[in-house]
PDB file of N, CA and C in Angstrom:
ATOM      1  N   MET A   1      98.159  95.585 103.722  1.00  0.00           N
ATOM      2  CA  MET A   1      98.344  94.195 102.827  1.00  0.00           C
ATOM      3  C   MET A   1      98.270  93.344 102.100  1.00  0.00           C
ATOM      4  N   ALA A   2      96.900  92.854 101.336  1.00  0.00           N
ATOM      5  CA  ALA A   2      96.617  93.393 100.918  1.00  0.00           C
ATOM      6  C   ALA A   2      95.802  94.309  99.994  1.00  0.00           C
ATOM      7  N   CYS A   3      95.584  95.211 100.154  1.00  0.00           N
ATOM      8  CA  CYS A   3      95.915  96.049  99.232  1.00  0.00           C
ATOM      9  C   CYS A   3      97.424  96.218  98.585  1.00  0.00           C
ATOM     10  N   ARG A   4      98.468  96.127  98.958  1.00  0.00           N
ATOM     11  CA  ARG A   4     100.409  96.155  98.435  1.00  0.00           C
ATOM     12  C   ARG A   4     100.002  94.950  97.823  1.00  0.00           C
ATOM     13  N   ARG A   5      99.232  94.366  98.159  1.00  0.00           N
ATOM     14  CA  ARG A   5      99.153  93.022  96.790  1.00  0.00           C
ATOM     15  C   ARG A   5      98.719  92.769  95.475  1.00  0.00           C
ATOM     16  N   PHE A   6      97.712  93.947  96.105  1.00  0.00           N
ATOM     17  CA  PHE A   6      96.923  94.242  94.901  1.00  0.00           C
ATOM     18  C   PHE A   6      96.936  95.507  94.053  1.00  0.00           C
ATOM     19  N   ILE A   7      98.151  96.144  94.749  1.00  0.00           N
ATOM     20  CA  ILE A   7      98.434  96.841  93.983  1.00  0.00           C
ATOM     21  C   ILE A   7      99.352  96.759  92.804  1.00  0.00           C
ATOM     22  N   ARG A   8     100.737  95.560  93.595  1.00  0.00           N
ATOM     23  CA  ARG A   8     101.559  95.517  92.722  1.00  0.00           C
ATOM     24  C   ARG A   8     100.934  94.088  92.124  1.00  0.00           C
ATOM     25  N   LYS A   9      99.772  93.728  91.856  1.00  0.00           N
ATOM     26  CA  LYS A   9      99.982  93.068  90.671  1.00  0.00           C
ATOM     27  C   LYS A   9      99.051  94.030  89.411  1.00  0.00           C
ATOM     28  N   THR A  10      98.146  94.779  90.712  1.00  0.00           N
ATOM     29  CA  THR A  10      96.892  95.927  88.728  1.00  0.00           C
ATOM     30  C   THR A  10      98.586  96.752  88.333  1.00  0.00           C
ATOM     31  N   ILE A  11      99.527  96.719  88.831  1.00  0.00           N
ATOM     32  CA  ILE A  11     100.944  98.183  87.844  1.00  0.00           C
ATOM     33  C   ILE A  11     101.376  96.800  87.008  1.00  0.00           C
ATOM     34  N   GLN A  12     101.232  95.613  87.939  1.00  0.00           N
ATOM     35  CA  GLN A  12     101.919  94.660  86.592  1.00  0.00           C
ATOM     36  C   GLN A  12     101.045  94.245  85.313  1.00  0.00           C
ATOM     37  N   SER A  13      99.444  94.847  85.521  1.00  0.00           N
ATOM     38  CA  SER A  13      98.743  94.443  84.654  1.00  0.00           C
ATOM     39  C   SER A  13      98.319  95.901  83.770  1.00  0.00           C
ATOM     40  N   ASP A  14      98.255  96.003  82.222  1.00  0.00           N
ATOM     41  CA  ASP A  14      97.914  96.478  81.312  1.00  0.00           C
ATOM     42  C   ASP A  14      96.627  96.980  81.489  1.00  0.00           C
ATOM     43  N   LEU A  15      96.136  95.572  80.830  1.00  0.00           N
ATOM     44  CA  LEU A  15      94.227  94.957  81.604  1.00  0.00           C
ATOM     45  C   LEU A  15      93.236  95.808  81.939  1.00  0.00           C
ATOM     46  N   LEU A  16      93.396  96.410  83.166  1.00  0.00           N
ATOM     47  CA  LEU A  16      92.677  96.476  83.696  1.00  0.00           C
ATOM     48  C   LEU A  16      92.269  98.069  83.621  1.00  0.00           C
ATOM     49  N   SER A  17      90.803  98.115  84.311  1.00  0.00           N
ATOM     50  CA  SER A  17      90.604  99.499  83.505  1.00  0.00           C
ATOM     51  C   SER A  17      90.377  99.928  85.419  1.00  0.00           C
ATOM     52  N   PRO A  18      90.223 101.202  85.253  1.00  0.00           N
ATOM     53  CA  PRO A  18      90.244 102.655  86.407  1.00  0.00           C
ATOM     54  C   PRO A  18      89.234 101.824  87.489  1.00  0.00           C
ATOM     55  N   ALA A  19      88.114 101.447  86.302  1.00  0.00           N
ATOM     56  CA  ALA A  19      87.004 101.650  87.333  1.00  0.00           C
ATOM     57  C   ALA A  19      86.807 100.620  88.014  1.00  0.00           C
ATOM     58  N   LEU A  20      87.882  99.319  87.329  1.00  0.00           N
ATOM     59  CA  LEU A  20      88.245  98.054  88.236  1.00  0.00           C
ATOM     60  C   LEU A  20      89.037  98.257  89.567  1.00  0.00           C
ATOM     61  N   VAL A  21      90.028  98.504  89.253  1.00  0.00           N
ATOM     62  CA  VAL A  21      90.926  99.390  90.287  1.00  0.00           C
ATOM     63  C   VAL A  21      90.567  99.398  90.816  1.00  0.00           C
ATOM     64  N   LEU A  22      89.120 100.437  91.062  1.00  0.00           N
ATOM     65  CA  LEU A  22      88.891 101.901  92.281  1.00  0.00           C
ATOM     66  C   LEU A  22      88.354 100.328  93.051  1.00  0.00           C
ATOM     67  N   ARG A  23      87.005  98.588  92.912  1.00  0.00           N
ATOM     68  CA  ARG A  23      86.218  98.629  92.665  1.00  0.00           C
ATOM     69  C   ARG A  23      87.245  98.317  93.560  1.00  0.00           C
ATOM     70  N   HIS A  24      88.570  98.052  93.601  1.00  0.00           N
ATOM     71  CA  HIS A  24      88.891  96.931  94.864  1.00  0.00           C
ATOM     72  C   HIS A  24      89.798  97.439  96.074  1.00  0.00           C
ATOM     73  N   ILE A  25      89.969  99.119  95.469  1.00  0.00           N
ATOM     74  CA  ILE A  25      90.685  99.689  96.257  1.00  0.00           C
ATOM     75  C   ILE A  25      90.139 100.793  97.541  1.00  0.00           C
ATOM     76  N   MET A  26      88.880 100.561  96.918  1.00  0.00           N
ATOM     77  CA  MET A  26      87.947 101.722  97.105  1.00  0.00           C
ATOM     78  C   MET A  26      85.816 101.367  97.955  1.00  0.00           C
ATOM     79  N   PRO A  27      85.997 101.730  99.333  1.00  0.00           N
ATOM     80  CA  PRO A  27      85.324  99.725 100.365  1.00  0.00           C
ATOM     81  C   PRO A  27      83.217 100.636  99.484  1.00  0.00           C
ATOM     82  N   HIS A  28      83.015  99.784  99.751  1.00  0.00           N
ATOM     83  CA  HIS A  28      81.678  98.912  99.337  1.00  0.00           C
ATOM     84  C   HIS A  28      80.684  99.984  99.398  1.00  0.00           C
ATOM     85  N   SER A  29      80.852 100.464 100.766  1.00  0.00           N
ATOM     86  CA  SER A  29      80.038 101.828 100.767  1.00  0.00           C
ATOM     87  C   SER A  29      80.317 102.357 100.016  1.00  0.00           C
ATOM     88  N   ALA A  30      81.626 103.026  99.486  1.00  0.00           N
ATOM     89  CA  ALA A  30      81.923 104.333  99.440  1.00  0.00           C
ATOM     90  C   ALA A  30      81.103 105.018  98.503  1.00  0.00           C
ATOM     91  N   LYS A  31      81.538 106.030  97.598  1.00  0.00           N
ATOM     92  CA  LYS A  31      79.832 106.653  95.917  1.00  0.00           C
ATOM     93  C   LYS A  31      81.803 107.548  95.599  1.00  0.00           C
ATOM     94  N   LEU A  32      81.289 107.211  94.245  1.00  0.00           N
ATOM     95  CA  LEU A  32      82.983 107.530  93.475  1.00  0.00           C
ATOM     96  C   LEU A  32      81.601 109.682  92.344  1.00  0.00           C
ATOM     97  N   VAL A  33      82.159 110.922  93.056  1.00  0.00           N
ATOM     98  CA  VAL A  33      81.153 111.354  92.293  1.00  0.00           C
ATOM     99  C   VAL A  33      82.496 112.274  91.370  1.00  0.00           C
ATOM    100  N   THR A  34      81.596 112.490  89.987  1.00  0.00           N
ATOM    101  CA  THR A  34      83.162 112.201  88.265  1.00  0.00           C
ATOM    102  C   THR A  34      81.687 113.723  87.601  1.00  0.00           C
ATOM    103  N   PHE A  35      83.190 115.004  87.477  1.00  0.00           N
ATOM    104  CA  PHE A  35      81.887 115.427  86.910  1.00  0.00           C
ATOM    105  C   PHE A  35      82.349 116.503  85.527  1.00  0.00           C
ATOM    106  N   ASP A  36      82.167 116.771  84.072  1.00  0.00           N
ATOM    107  CA  ASP A  36      82.443 117.008  83.169  1.00  0.00           C
ATOM    108  C   ASP A  36      83.426 118.640  83.502  1.00  0.00           C
ATOM    109  N   VAL A  37      84.568 117.836  82.421  1.00  0.00           N
ATOM    110  CA  VAL A  37      85.558 119.743  82.892  1.00  0.00           C
ATOM    111  C   VAL A  37      84.867 120.852  83.584  1.00  0.00           C
ATOM    112  N   VAL A  38      83.755 121.567  82.043  1.00  0.00           N
ATOM    113  CA  VAL A  38      83.266 122.475  82.315  1.00  0.00           C
ATOM    114  C   VAL A  38      82.059 123.268  83.649  1.00  0.00           C
ATOM    115  N   ASP A  39      83.024 121.483  84.837  1.00  0.00           N
ATOM    116  CA  ASP A  39      81.288 122.110  86.228  1.00  0.00           C
ATOM    117  C   ASP A  39      82.798 122.607  87.215  1.00  0.00           C
ATOM    118  N   PHE A  40      84.228 122.146  85.951  1.00  0.00           N
ATOM    119  CA  PHE A  40      85.635 122.043  87.736  1.00  0.00           C
ATOM    120  C   PHE A  40      85.465 123.451  87.114  1.00  0.00           C
ATOM    121  N   PHE A  41      86.315 124.537  88.746  1.00  0.00           N
ATOM    122  CA  PHE A  41      86.894 126.086  87.841  1.00  0.00           C
ATOM    123  C   PHE A  41      87.824 126.278  87.063  1.00  0.00           C
ATOM    124  N   THR A  42      87.972 126.608  86.308  1.00  0.00           N
ATOM    125  CA  THR A  42      89.116 127.875  84.733  1.00  0.00           C
ATOM    126  C   THR A  42      90.605 127.733  85.813  1.00  0.00           C
ATOM    127  N   SER A  43      89.798 128.096  86.340  1.00  0.00           N
ATOM    128  CA  SER A  43      91.327 128.700  87.916  1.00  0.00           C
ATOM    129  C   SER A  43      91.056 128.868  89.090  1.00  0.00           C
ATOM    130  N   ILE A  44      92.199 128.179  89.639  1.00  0.00           N
ATOM    131  CA  ILE A  44      91.632 127.953  91.304  1.00  0.00           C
ATOM    132  C   ILE A  44      92.578 129.131  92.243  1.00  0.00           C
ATOM    133  N   PRO A  45      92.088 129.046  92.681  1.00  0.00           N
ATOM    134  CA  PRO A  45      92.279 130.843  93.320  1.00  0.00           C
ATOM    135  C   PRO A  45      94.082 130.688  93.925  1.00  0.00           C
ATOM    136  N   PRO A  46      94.391 130.548  94.700  1.00  0.00           N
ATOM    137  CA  PRO A  46      96.017 129.793  95.397  1.00  0.00           C
ATOM    138  C   PRO A  46      96.062 130.511  96.764  1.00  0.00           C
ATOM    139  N   GLU A  47      95.099 131.553  97.150  1.00  0.00           N
ATOM    140  CA  GLU A  47      94.860 131.648  98.687  1.00  0.00           C
ATOM    141  C   GLU A  47      94.017 130.958  99.252  1.00  0.00           C
ATOM    142  N   GLU A  48      92.075 130.574  97.852  1.00  0.00           N
ATOM    143  CA  GLU A  48      91.782 130.430  98.776  1.00  0.00           C
ATOM    144  C   GLU A  48      92.436 128.644  98.949  1.00  0.00           C
ATOM    145  N   ALA A  49      92.950 127.911  97.892  1.00  0.00           N
ATOM    146  CA  ALA A  49      93.660 126.575  97.556  1.00  0.00           C
ATOM    147  C   ALA A  49      93.717 126.753  99.366  1.00  0.00           C
ATOM    148  N   GLN A  50      94.783 127.424  98.686  1.00  0.00           N
ATOM    149  CA  GLN A  50      95.799 127.701 100.733  1.00  0.00           C
ATOM    150  C   GLN A  50      94.827 127.503 101.780  1.00  0.00           C
ATOM    151  N   LYS A  51      93.728 128.034 102.234  1.00  0.00           N
ATOM    152  CA  LYS A  51      92.943 128.517 103.043  1.00  0.00           C
ATOM    153  C   LYS A  51      92.730 126.636 103.129  1.00  0.00           C
ATOM    154  N   ILE A  52      91.790 127.096 102.340  1.00  0.00           N
ATOM    155  CA  ILE A  52      90.228 124.993 102.953  1.00  0.00           C
ATOM    156  C   ILE A  52      92.277 124.133 102.661  1.00  0.00           C
ATOM    157  N   VAL A  53      93.119 123.949 102.367  1.00  0.00           N
ATOM    158  CA  VAL A  53      94.162 122.812 102.460  1.00  0.00           C
ATOM    159  C   VAL A  53      94.587 122.530 104.234  1.00  0.00           C
ATOM    160  N   ILE A  54      95.354 123.830 104.783  1.00  0.00           N
ATOM    161  CA  ILE A  54      95.268 124.650 105.597  1.00  0.00           C
ATOM    162  C   ILE A  54      94.801 124.447 106.991  1.00  0.00           C
ATOM    163  N   GLN A  55      93.259 124.696 106.288  1.00  0.00           N
ATOM    164  CA  GLN A  55      91.852 124.526 107.366  1.00  0.00           C
ATOM    165  C   GLN A  55      91.777 122.728 107.379  1.00  0.00           C
ATOM    166  N   PHE A  56      92.074 122.186 106.593  1.00  0.00           N
ATOM    167  CA  PHE A  56      91.780 120.667 106.986  1.00  0.00           C
ATOM    168  C   PHE A  56      92.668 119.906 107.220  1.00  0.00           C
ATOM    169  N   LEU A  57      93.319 120.664 107.556  1.00  0.00           N
ATOM    170  CA  LEU A  57      94.261 120.042 108.478  1.00  0.00           C
ATOM    171  C   LEU A  57      94.147 120.074 109.413  1.00  0.00           C
ATOM    172  N   VAL A  58      94.523 121.798 110.004  1.00  0.00           N
ATOM    173  CA  VAL A  58      93.957 121.508 111.033  1.00  0.00           C
ATOM    174  C   VAL A  58      93.203 121.175 112.064  1.00  0.00           C
ATOM    175  N   ASP A  59      91.827 121.196 110.883  1.00  0.00           N
ATOM    176  CA  ASP A  59      90.723 119.850 111.403  1.00  0.00           C
ATOM    177  C   ASP A  59      91.208 119.023 111.653  1.00  0.00           C
ATOM    178  N   SER A  60      91.689 117.908 110.769  1.00  0.00           N
ATOM    179  CA  SER A  60      92.331 116.413 111.073  1.00  0.00           C
ATOM    180  C   SER A  60      93.134 116.351 112.289  1.00  0.00           C
ATOM    181  N   ASP A  61      93.793 117.903 113.026  1.00  0.00           N
ATOM    182  CA  ASP A  61      93.759 117.256 114.239  1.00  0.00           C
ATOM    183  C   ASP A  61      95.834 116.784 114.213  1.00  0.00           C
ATOM    184  N   ILE A  62      95.815 117.991 112.319  1.00  0.00           N
ATOM    185  CA  ILE A  62      97.318 116.986 112.198  1.00  0.00           C
ATOM    186  C   ILE A  62      98.958 117.905 113.097  1.00  0.00           C
ATOM    187  N   PRO A  63      99.201 117.506 113.677  1.00  0.00           N
ATOM    188  CA  PRO A  63     100.725 118.875 114.695  1.00  0.00           C
ATOM    189  C   PRO A  63     100.581 120.658 113.686  1.00  0.00           C
ATOM    190  N   THR A  64     101.077 120.949 114.993  1.00  0.00           N
ATOM    191  CA  THR A  64     100.689 122.081 114.517  1.00  0.00           C
ATOM    192  C   THR A  64     102.294 121.434 112.977  1.00  0.00           C
ATOM    193  N   ASP A  65     102.970 121.530 113.676  1.00  0.00           N
ATOM    194  CA  ASP A  65     104.271 122.307 112.869  1.00  0.00           C
ATOM    195  C   ASP A  65     104.592 121.017 111.536  1.00  0.00           C
ATOM    196  N   ILE A  66     103.466 120.579 111.832  1.00  0.00           N
ATOM    197  CA  ILE A  66     103.492 119.800 110.630  1.00  0.00           C
ATOM    198  C   ILE A  66     102.728 120.257 109.587  1.00  0.00           C
ATOM    199  N   VAL A  67     101.981 121.315 110.174  1.00  0.00           N
ATOM    200  CA  VAL A  67     100.287 122.121 109.278  1.00  0.00           C
ATOM    201  C   VAL A  67     101.455 123.023 109.036  1.00  0.00           C
ATOM    202  N   ASN A  68     102.129 123.645 109.245  1.00  0.00           N
ATOM    203  CA  ASN A  68     103.601 124.681 108.850  1.00  0.00           C
ATOM    204  C   ASN A  68     104.047 124.355 108.166  1.00  0.00           C
ATOM    205  N   ASP A  69     104.697 123.024 107.865  1.00  0.00           N
ATOM    206  CA  ASP A  69     105.875 122.891 106.721  1.00  0.00           C
ATOM    207  C   ASP A  69     104.553 122.675 105.481  1.00  0.00           C
ATOM    208  N   ILE A  70     104.378 121.491 105.633  1.00  0.00           N
ATOM    209  CA  ILE A  70     103.460 121.540 105.110  1.00  0.00           C
ATOM    210  C   ILE A  70     102.831 123.277 104.116  1.00  0.00           C
ATOM    211  N   ALA A  71     101.918 123.903 105.306  1.00  0.00           N
ATOM    212  CA  ALA A  71     101.870 124.934 104.950  1.00  0.00           C
ATOM    213  C   ALA A  71     103.295 125.882 103.660  1.00  0.00           C
ATOM    214  N   LYS A  72     104.137 125.215 104.116  1.00  0.00           N
ATOM    215  CA  LYS A  72     105.729 126.185 103.444  1.00  0.00           C
ATOM    216  C   LYS A  72     105.790 125.779 102.142  1.00  0.00           C
ATOM    217  N   LEU A  73     105.468 124.085 102.069  1.00  0.00           N
ATOM    218  CA  LEU A  73     105.923 123.644 100.967  1.00  0.00           C
ATOM    219  C   LEU A  73     104.811 124.571  99.975  1.00  0.00           C
ATOM    220  N   LEU A  74     103.017 124.232 100.503  1.00  0.00           N
ATOM    221  CA  LEU A  74     102.936 124.571  99.084  1.00  0.00           C
ATOM    222  C   LEU A  74     102.093 125.533  99.129  1.00  0.00           C
ATOM    223  N   GLN A  75     102.747 127.139 100.098  1.00  0.00           N
ATOM    224  CA  GLN A  75     103.278 127.736  99.032  1.00  0.00           C
ATOM    225  C   GLN A  75     104.392 128.108  97.859  1.00  0.00           C
ATOM    226  N   ILE A  76     105.440 127.578  98.230  1.00  0.00           N
ATOM    227  CA  ILE A  76     106.203 127.155  97.204  1.00  0.00           C
ATOM    228  C   ILE A  76     105.516 127.186  95.916  1.00  0.00           C
ATOM    229  N   CYS A  77     104.985 126.135  95.761  1.00  0.00           N
ATOM    230  CA  CYS A  77     104.509 125.455  94.577  1.00  0.00           C
ATOM    231  C   CYS A  77     103.737 126.419  94.517  1.00  0.00           C
ATOM    232  N   LEU A  78     102.449 126.900  95.047  1.00  0.00           N
ATOM    233  CA  LEU A  78     101.671 126.904  94.068  1.00  0.00           C
ATOM    234  C   LEU A  78     102.247 127.984  93.461  1.00  0.00           C
ATOM    235  N   LYS A  79     103.020 129.270  94.088  1.00  0.00           N
ATOM    236  CA  LYS A  79     104.020 129.956  93.361  1.00  0.00           C
ATOM    237  C   LYS A  79     104.925 129.718  92.217  1.00  0.00           C
ATOM    238  N   GLN A  80     105.257 128.641  92.816  1.00  0.00           N
ATOM    239  CA  GLN A  80     105.685 128.048  91.015  1.00  0.00           C
ATOM    240  C   GLN A  80     104.312 127.262  89.506  1.00  0.00           C
ATOM    241  N   ASN A  81     104.496 128.278  89.477  1.00  0.00           N
ATOM    242  CA  ASN A  81     102.530 128.519  88.241  1.00  0.00           C
ATOM    243  C   ASN A  81     102.829 128.349  87.960  1.00  0.00           C
ATOM    244  N   TYR A  82     103.847 127.248  86.539  1.00  0.00           N
ATOM    245  CA  TYR A  82     104.615 127.299  85.040  1.00  0.00           C
ATOM    246  C   TYR A  82     103.706 126.067  84.588  1.00  0.00           C
ATOM    247  N   PHE A  83     103.350 126.121  83.474  1.00  0.00           N
ATOM    248  CA  PHE A  83     103.184 125.293  82.871  1.00  0.00           C
ATOM    249  C   PHE A  83     103.353 124.876  81.135  1.00  0.00           C
ATOM    250  N   LEU A  84     103.255 123.414  81.191  1.00  0.00           N
ATOM    251  CA  LEU A  84     103.465 123.702  78.692  1.00  0.00           C
ATOM    252  C   LEU A  84     102.514 123.453  77.915  1.00  0.00           C
ATOM    253  N   PHE A  85     102.819 124.428  76.748  1.00  0.00           N
ATOM    254  CA  PHE A  85     101.464 123.470  76.277  1.00  0.00           C
ATOM    255  C   PHE A  85     102.191 123.909  74.848  1.00  0.00           C
ATOM    256  N   ASN A  86     101.825 122.563  74.542  1.00  0.00           N
ATOM    257  CA  ASN A  86     102.244 122.727  73.199  1.00  0.00           C
ATOM    258  C   ASN A  86     103.757 123.759  72.491  1.00  0.00           C
ATOM    259  N   GLY A  87     105.090 123.119  73.197  1.00  0.00           N
ATOM    260  CA  GLY A  87     105.913 122.739  73.602  1.00  0.00           C
ATOM    261  C   GLY A  87     106.445 124.328  74.107  1.00  0.00           C
ATOM    262  N   ILE A  88     105.521 125.234  74.212  1.00  0.00           N
ATOM    263  CA  ILE A  88     106.365 126.569  75.590  1.00  0.00           C
ATOM    264  C   ILE A  88     106.178 126.074  76.823  1.00  0.00           C
ATOM    265  N   PHE A  89     106.958 126.864  77.224  1.00  0.00           N
ATOM    266  CA  PHE A  89     106.192 127.115  79.468  1.00  0.00           C
ATOM    267  C   PHE A  89     105.883 128.269  78.766  1.00  0.00           C
ATOM    268  N   TYR A  90     104.715 128.196  79.814  1.00  0.00           N
ATOM    269  CA  TYR A  90     103.055 129.482  79.799  1.00  0.00           C
ATOM    270  C   TYR A  90     104.380 129.687  81.648  1.00  0.00           C
ATOM    271  N   GLN A  91     103.478 130.693  82.884  1.00  0.00           N
ATOM    272  CA  GLN A  91     103.558 131.279  83.937  1.00  0.00           C
ATOM    273  C   GLN A  91     101.720 131.672  83.795  1.00  0.00           C
ATOM    274  N   GLN A  92     100.982 130.916  84.670  1.00  0.00           N
ATOM    275  CA  GLN A  92      99.372 131.873  85.193  1.00  0.00           C
ATOM    276  C   GLN A  92      99.667 132.528  85.655  1.00  0.00           C
ATOM    277  N   GLU A  93      99.193 133.633  85.013  1.00  0.00           N
ATOM    278  CA  GLU A  93      99.324 135.496  86.204  1.00  0.00           C
ATOM    279  C   GLU A  93      98.441 135.278  86.837  1.00  0.00           C
ATOM    280  N   CYS A  94      97.460 134.613  86.516  1.00  0.00           N
ATOM    281  CA  CYS A  94      95.935 134.856  87.640  1.00  0.00           C
ATOM    282  C   CYS A  94      95.491 133.574  88.178  1.00  0.00           C
ATOM    283  N   GLY A  95      94.830 132.986  89.052  1.00  0.00           N
ATOM    284  CA  GLY A  95      94.919 131.170  89.650  1.00  0.00           C
ATOM    285  C   GLY A  95      95.486 130.568  88.428  1.00  0.00           C
ATOM    286  N   LEU A  96      95.187 129.241  89.279  1.00  0.00           N
ATOM    287  CA  LEU A  96      95.844 127.776  89.098  1.00  0.00           C
ATOM    288  C   LEU A  96      95.597 127.740  87.966  1.00  0.00           C
ATOM    289  N   ALA A  97      96.506 126.453  87.217  1.00  0.00           N
ATOM    290  CA  ALA A  97      96.142 126.339  85.767  1.00  0.00           C
ATOM    291  C   ALA A  97      95.568 124.547  86.447  1.00  0.00           C
ATOM    292  N   MET A  98      93.973 124.327  86.130  1.00  0.00           N
ATOM    293  CA  MET A  98      93.494 122.880  86.566  1.00  0.00           C
ATOM    294  C   MET A  98      95.196 121.523  86.177  1.00  0.00           C
TER     295      MET A  98
END
């Protein structure tokens, strides 16, 4: 409930930095790690991404019917691999754009 109150208050303020927002919603024991873009994949393999997500859901004891539904939705999303650059739509032929 306190989180909802904070989020409502935060949305109304343009002055809060992301660091301040994170300080309020993350537990004090949490660690946040970030990397430069050069450290990330420039192209994410969709099949591998789907396997990782499904395995995570299975490991999290999510009911099988829900895992199956999410897998179908994820497959649809991963196939809709379009992006907009300089006003032109492109379809990435290999992997997924970040």
